[in-house]
């Protein structure tokens, strides 16, 4: 019995570490809390059936890939293959900010809401790439999760970030060093 609990201890560690980021990611893809929870649960149940040696070295990209595939399956079954572009994914509430200062919390929520509106206008592939990059994944891991090449992921991230930087709302937030470029015709 002890060997069985030790064998699944690494799965419990993965749940502790990745459940919240996976849930945020799935909610943004699906726009539905229950479907997101199902996709995350599916990823962890599937992880239970994998050998530790096969998956442990790249457990984060593996979990995100399984979760993404399940989310896309949900979207296809619902006949909404383009739902990565839905406003429902952009309407998810911002992540909880644990700072005690209420003004900082309100400012962070306002900024996140503004950025979510801007991200909504990006093509879905760019938005997904930036979303995963913000979760802390490397380009290589994003490529593994999304099934794209690393070079394509880099291009998507570059184009998405360039589009965000050129938006007037973002230019106002950038340091003064970019104010000179803002004044150019």
C-alpha atoms as a PDB file:
ATOM      1  CA  UNK A   1       0.000   0.000   0.000  1.00  0.00           C
ATOM      2  CA  UNK A   2       2.868   2.379   0.809  1.00  0.00           C
ATOM      3  CA  UNK A   3       4.406   1.829  -2.628  1.00  0.00           C
ATOM      4  CA  UNK A   4       1.133   2.837  -4.270  1.00  0.00           C
ATOM      5  CA  UNK A   5       0.882   6.077  -2.288  1.00  0.00           C
ATOM      6  CA  UNK A   6       4.525   6.868  -3.048  1.00  0.00           C
ATOM      7  CA  UNK A   7       3.946   6.173  -6.725  1.00  0.00           C
ATOM      8  CA  UNK A   8       1.092   8.668  -6.842  1.00  0.00           C
ATOM      9  CA  UNK A   9       2.722  11.212  -4.532  1.00  0.00           C
ATOM     10  CA  UNK A  10       4.278  12.936  -7.548  1.00  0.00           C
ATOM     11  CA  UNK A  11       0.795  13.243  -9.088  1.00  0.00           C
ATOM     12  CA  UNK A  12      -0.476  14.955  -5.932  1.00  0.00           C
ATOM     13  CA  UNK A  13       2.498  17.311  -6.077  1.00  0.00           C
ATOM     14  CA  UNK A  14       1.587  18.112  -9.685  1.00  0.00           C
ATOM     15  CA  UNK A  15      -2.002  18.793  -8.638  1.00  0.00           C
ATOM     16  CA  UNK A  16      -0.837  21.182  -5.921  1.00  0.00           C
ATOM     17  CA  UNK A  17       1.498  22.972  -8.291  1.00  0.00           C
ATOM     18  CA  UNK A  18      -0.501  23.139 -11.531  1.00  0.00           C
ATOM     19  CA  UNK A  19      -4.211  22.977 -10.688  1.00  0.00           C
ATOM     20  CA  UNK A  20      -4.722  26.744 -10.429  1.00  0.00           C
ATOM     21  CA  UNK A  21      -2.703  27.713 -13.537  1.00  0.00           C
ATOM     22  CA  UNK A  22      -4.407  24.953 -15.542  1.00  0.00           C
ATOM     23  CA  UNK A  23      -7.822  26.121 -14.378  1.00  0.00           C
ATOM     24  CA  UNK A  24      -7.084  29.738 -15.347  1.00  0.00           C
ATOM     25  CA  UNK A  25      -5.835  28.599 -18.749  1.00  0.00           C
ATOM     26  CA  UNK A  26      -8.839  26.336 -19.379  1.00  0.00           C
ATOM     27  CA  UNK A  27     -11.277  29.072 -18.289  1.00  0.00           C
ATOM     28  CA  UNK A  28      -9.734  31.483 -20.763  1.00  0.00           C
ATOM     29  CA  UNK A  29      -9.991  28.901 -23.540  1.00  0.00           C
ATOM     30  CA  UNK A  30     -13.515  27.745 -22.751  1.00  0.00           C
ATOM     31  CA  UNK A  31     -15.158  30.668 -20.993  1.00  0.00           C
ATOM     32  CA  UNK A  32     -16.967  28.246 -18.696  1.00  0.00           C
ATOM     33  CA  UNK A  33     -15.965  27.294 -15.157  1.00  0.00           C
ATOM     34  CA  UNK A  34     -17.499  23.805 -15.251  1.00  0.00           C
ATOM     35  CA  UNK A  35     -15.998  22.875 -18.618  1.00  0.00           C
ATOM     36  CA  UNK A  36     -12.639  24.211 -17.437  1.00  0.00           C
ATOM     37  CA  UNK A  37     -12.835  22.085 -14.288  1.00  0.00           C
ATOM     38  CA  UNK A  38     -13.636  19.048 -16.451  1.00  0.00           C
ATOM     39  CA  UNK A  39     -10.629  19.694 -18.715  1.00  0.00           C
ATOM     40  CA  UNK A  40      -8.310  20.087 -15.716  1.00  0.00           C
ATOM     41  CA  UNK A  41      -9.683  16.984 -14.034  1.00  0.00           C
ATOM     42  CA  UNK A  42      -9.215  15.034 -17.260  1.00  0.00           C
ATOM     43  CA  UNK A  43      -5.567  16.150 -17.429  1.00  0.00           C
ATOM     44  CA  UNK A  44      -4.852  14.934 -13.893  1.00  0.00           C
ATOM     45  CA  UNK A  45      -6.751  11.658 -14.328  1.00  0.00           C
ATOM     46  CA  UNK A  46      -4.762  11.024 -17.493  1.00  0.00           C
ATOM     47  CA  UNK A  47      -1.575  11.830 -15.585  1.00  0.00           C
ATOM     48  CA  UNK A  48      -2.441   9.093 -13.085  1.00  0.00           C
ATOM     49  CA  UNK A  49      -2.257   6.552 -15.889  1.00  0.00           C
ATOM     50  CA  UNK A  50       1.197   7.649 -17.045  1.00  0.00           C
ATOM     51  CA  UNK A  51       4.508   6.369 -15.797  1.00  0.00           C
ATOM     52  CA  UNK A  52       6.445   8.823 -13.706  1.00  0.00           C
ATOM     53  CA  UNK A  53       9.657   8.278 -15.681  1.00  0.00           C
ATOM     54  CA  UNK A  54       7.918   9.091 -18.966  1.00  0.00           C
ATOM     55  CA  UNK A  55       6.233  12.345 -17.907  1.00  0.00           C
ATOM     56  CA  UNK A  56       7.950  13.826 -14.871  1.00  0.00           C
ATOM     57  CA  UNK A  57      10.703  15.665 -16.765  1.00  0.00           C
ATOM     58  CA  UNK A  58       8.145  17.730 -18.691  1.00  0.00           C
ATOM     59  CA  UNK A  59       5.004  17.462 -16.568  1.00  0.00           C
ATOM     60  CA  UNK A  60       3.892  21.117 -16.962  1.00  0.00           C
ATOM     61  CA  UNK A  61       3.816  21.202 -20.780  1.00  0.00           C
ATOM     62  CA  UNK A  62       2.340  17.695 -20.796  1.00  0.00           C
ATOM     63  CA  UNK A  63      -0.517  18.699 -18.468  1.00  0.00           C
ATOM     64  CA  UNK A  64      -1.226  21.898 -20.395  1.00  0.00           C
ATOM     65  CA  UNK A  65      -1.248  19.979 -23.685  1.00  0.00           C
ATOM     66  CA  UNK A  66      -3.702  17.372 -22.376  1.00  0.00           C
ATOM     67  CA  UNK A  67      -5.878  20.107 -20.866  1.00  0.00           C
ATOM     68  CA  UNK A  68      -5.776  22.108 -24.127  1.00  0.00           C
ATOM     69  CA  UNK A  69      -6.734  19.077 -26.178  1.00  0.00           C
ATOM     70  CA  UNK A  70      -9.682  18.347 -23.878  1.00  0.00           C
ATOM     71  CA  UNK A  71     -10.783  21.997 -24.071  1.00  0.00           C
ATOM     72  CA  UNK A  72     -10.629  21.913 -27.871  1.00  0.00           C
ATOM     73  CA  UNK A  73     -12.655  18.683 -27.822  1.00  0.00           C
ATOM     74  CA  UNK A  74     -15.327  20.476 -25.756  1.00  0.00           C
ATOM     75  CA  UNK A  75     -15.375  23.341 -28.241  1.00  0.00           C
ATOM     76  CA  UNK A  76     -15.650  20.999 -31.225  1.00  0.00           C
ATOM     77  CA  UNK A  77     -18.476  19.019 -29.641  1.00  0.00           C
ATOM     78  CA  UNK A  78     -20.312  22.260 -29.023  1.00  0.00           C
ATOM     79  CA  UNK A  79     -19.789  23.246 -32.647  1.00  0.00           C
ATOM     80  CA  UNK A  80     -17.754  26.264 -31.630  1.00  0.00           C
ATOM     81  CA  UNK A  81     -14.328  25.602 -33.094  1.00  0.00           C
ATOM     82  CA  UNK A  82     -13.672  29.335 -33.217  1.00  0.00           C
ATOM     83  CA  UNK A  83     -14.564  29.833 -29.557  1.00  0.00           C
ATOM     84  CA  UNK A  84     -10.988  30.700 -28.733  1.00  0.00           C
ATOM     85  CA  UNK A  85     -12.098  34.055 -30.172  1.00  0.00           C
ATOM     86  CA  UNK A  86     -15.280  34.225 -28.064  1.00  0.00           C
ATOM     87  CA  UNK A  87     -15.786  37.131 -25.739  1.00  0.00           C
ATOM     88  CA  UNK A  88     -16.709  34.661 -23.001  1.00  0.00           C
ATOM     89  CA  UNK A  89     -13.049  33.749 -22.529  1.00  0.00           C
ATOM     90  CA  UNK A  90     -12.161  37.424 -22.220  1.00  0.00           C
ATOM     91  CA  UNK A  91     -14.927  38.036 -19.683  1.00  0.00           C
ATOM     92  CA  UNK A  92     -13.354  35.839 -17.001  1.00  0.00           C
ATOM     93  CA  UNK A  93     -12.614  37.781 -13.829  1.00  0.00           C
ATOM     94  CA  UNK A  94      -9.021  38.838 -13.289  1.00  0.00           C
ATOM     95  CA  UNK A  95      -6.767  36.688 -11.114  1.00  0.00           C
ATOM     96  CA  UNK A  96      -7.056  37.371  -7.406  1.00  0.00           C
ATOM     97  CA  UNK A  97      -4.409  39.812  -6.243  1.00  0.00           C
ATOM     98  CA  UNK A  98      -3.249  38.935  -2.724  1.00  0.00           C
ATOM     99  CA  UNK A  99      -1.687  42.282  -1.912  1.00  0.00           C
ATOM    100  CA  UNK A 100      -3.223  43.892   1.166  1.00  0.00           C
ATOM    101  CA  UNK A 101      -3.398  47.431  -0.294  1.00  0.00           C
ATOM    102  CA  UNK A 102      -6.917  47.851  -1.774  1.00  0.00           C
ATOM    103  CA  UNK A 103      -5.831  50.644  -4.139  1.00  0.00           C
ATOM    104  CA  UNK A 104      -3.128  48.392  -5.593  1.00  0.00           C
ATOM    105  CA  UNK A 105      -5.670  45.621  -5.985  1.00  0.00           C
ATOM    106  CA  UNK A 106      -8.130  47.929  -7.763  1.00  0.00           C
ATOM    107  CA  UNK A 107      -5.399  49.254 -10.043  1.00  0.00           C
ATOM    108  CA  UNK A 108      -4.258  45.752 -10.939  1.00  0.00           C
ATOM    109  CA  UNK A 109      -7.843  44.710 -11.705  1.00  0.00           C
ATOM    110  CA  UNK A 110      -8.337  47.760 -13.940  1.00  0.00           C
ATOM    111  CA  UNK A 111      -5.099  47.068 -15.778  1.00  0.00           C
ATOM    112  CA  UNK A 112      -5.952  43.390 -16.215  1.00  0.00           C
ATOM    113  CA  UNK A 113      -9.402  44.304 -17.561  1.00  0.00           C
ATOM    114  CA  UNK A 114      -7.852  46.731 -20.048  1.00  0.00           C
ATOM    115  CA  UNK A 115      -5.295  44.180 -21.177  1.00  0.00           C
ATOM    116  CA  UNK A 116      -7.982  41.516 -21.523  1.00  0.00           C
ATOM    117  CA  UNK A 117      -9.916  43.835 -23.827  1.00  0.00           C
ATOM    118  CA  UNK A 118      -6.791  44.376 -25.897  1.00  0.00           C
ATOM    119  CA  UNK A 119      -5.957  40.668 -25.970  1.00  0.00           C
ATOM    120  CA  UNK A 120      -9.480  39.927 -27.168  1.00  0.00           C
ATOM    121  CA  UNK A 121      -8.692  41.755 -30.415  1.00  0.00           C
ATOM    122  CA  UNK A 122      -5.639  39.594 -31.152  1.00  0.00           C
ATOM    123  CA  UNK A 123      -5.949  36.485 -33.304  1.00  0.00           C
ATOM    124  CA  UNK A 124      -6.583  33.401 -31.165  1.00  0.00           C
ATOM    125  CA  UNK A 125      -3.158  31.840 -31.826  1.00  0.00           C
ATOM    126  CA  UNK A 126      -1.360  35.017 -30.694  1.00  0.00           C
ATOM    127  CA  UNK A 127      -3.628  35.356 -27.673  1.00  0.00           C
ATOM    128  CA  UNK A 128      -3.052  31.745 -26.614  1.00  0.00           C
ATOM    129  CA  UNK A 129       0.712  32.104 -27.038  1.00  0.00           C
ATOM    130  CA  UNK A 130       0.843  35.280 -24.942  1.00  0.00           C
ATOM    131  CA  UNK A 131      -1.447  33.680 -22.375  1.00  0.00           C
ATOM    132  CA  UNK A 132       0.888  30.710 -21.933  1.00  0.00           C
ATOM    133  CA  UNK A 133       3.938  32.991 -21.936  1.00  0.00           C
ATOM    134  CA  UNK A 134       2.353  34.994 -19.103  1.00  0.00           C
ATOM    135  CA  UNK A 135       1.916  31.722 -17.195  1.00  0.00           C
ATOM    136  CA  UNK A 136       5.710  31.395 -17.303  1.00  0.00           C
ATOM    137  CA  UNK A 137       6.220  28.850 -20.062  1.00  0.00           C
ATOM    138  CA  UNK A 138       9.202  29.006 -22.390  1.00  0.00           C
ATOM    139  CA  UNK A 139       8.751  29.147 -26.154  1.00  0.00           C
ATOM    140  CA  UNK A 140       9.747  25.501 -26.373  1.00  0.00           C
ATOM    141  CA  UNK A 141       7.124  24.510 -23.785  1.00  0.00           C
ATOM    142  CA  UNK A 142       4.461  26.620 -25.515  1.00  0.00           C
ATOM    143  CA  UNK A 143       5.311  24.874 -28.783  1.00  0.00           C
ATOM    144  CA  UNK A 144       4.913  21.500 -27.077  1.00  0.00           C
ATOM    145  CA  UNK A 145       1.589  22.528 -25.527  1.00  0.00           C
ATOM    146  CA  UNK A 146       0.077  24.071 -28.649  1.00  0.00           C
ATOM    147  CA  UNK A 147       1.481  21.656 -31.227  1.00  0.00           C
ATOM    148  CA  UNK A 148       3.266  24.416 -33.133  1.00  0.00           C
ATOM    149  CA  UNK A 149       6.942  24.773 -33.931  1.00  0.00           C
ATOM    150  CA  UNK A 150       9.083  26.848 -31.593  1.00  0.00           C
ATOM    151  CA  UNK A 151       9.798  29.306 -34.408  1.00  0.00           C
ATOM    152  CA  UNK A 152       6.088  29.761 -35.059  1.00  0.00           C
ATOM    153  CA  UNK A 153       5.480  30.363 -31.352  1.00  0.00           C
ATOM    154  CA  UNK A 154       8.203  33.040 -31.333  1.00  0.00           C
ATOM    155  CA  UNK A 155       6.617  34.756 -34.331  1.00  0.00           C
ATOM    156  CA  UNK A 156       3.161  34.630 -32.729  1.00  0.00           C
ATOM    157  CA  UNK A 157       4.493  36.081 -29.478  1.00  0.00           C
ATOM    158  CA  UNK A 158       6.428  38.810 -31.292  1.00  0.00           C
ATOM    159  CA  UNK A 159       3.472  39.836 -33.442  1.00  0.00           C
ATOM    160  CA  UNK A 160       1.048  39.749 -30.535  1.00  0.00           C
ATOM    161  CA  UNK A 161       3.289  41.801 -28.262  1.00  0.00           C
ATOM    162  CA  UNK A 162       4.047  44.247 -31.082  1.00  0.00           C
ATOM    163  CA  UNK A 163       0.331  44.708 -31.669  1.00  0.00           C
ATOM    164  CA  UNK A 164      -0.222  45.308 -27.968  1.00  0.00           C
ATOM    165  CA  UNK A 165       2.681  47.778 -27.749  1.00  0.00           C
ATOM    166  CA  UNK A 166       1.334  49.797 -30.664  1.00  0.00           C
ATOM    167  CA  UNK A 167      -2.109  50.206 -29.099  1.00  0.00           C
ATOM    168  CA  UNK A 168      -2.682  53.743 -27.709  1.00  0.00           C
ATOM    169  CA  UNK A 169      -3.822  52.459 -24.301  1.00  0.00           C
ATOM    170  CA  UNK A 170      -0.601  50.481 -23.877  1.00  0.00           C
ATOM    171  CA  UNK A 171       1.653  53.247 -25.204  1.00  0.00           C
ATOM    172  CA  UNK A 172       0.304  55.475 -22.414  1.00  0.00           C
ATOM    173  CA  UNK A 173       1.426  52.867 -19.865  1.00  0.00           C
ATOM    174  CA  UNK A 174       4.954  52.463 -21.250  1.00  0.00           C
ATOM    175  CA  UNK A 175       7.908  54.395 -19.817  1.00  0.00           C
ATOM    176  CA  UNK A 176       8.730  57.905 -21.101  1.00  0.00           C
ATOM    177  CA  UNK A 177      11.467  56.514 -23.355  1.00  0.00           C
ATOM    178  CA  UNK A 178       8.733  55.424 -25.735  1.00  0.00           C
ATOM    179  CA  UNK A 179       6.939  58.767 -25.563  1.00  0.00           C
ATOM    180  CA  UNK A 180       9.230  60.093 -28.306  1.00  0.00           C
ATOM    181  CA  UNK A 181       8.127  57.343 -30.662  1.00  0.00           C
ATOM    182  CA  UNK A 182       4.508  58.074 -29.783  1.00  0.00           C
ATOM    183  CA  UNK A 183       4.884  61.647 -31.026  1.00  0.00           C
ATOM    184  CA  UNK A 184       6.221  60.567 -34.437  1.00  0.00           C
ATOM    185  CA  UNK A 185       3.680  60.628 -37.293  1.00  0.00           C
END
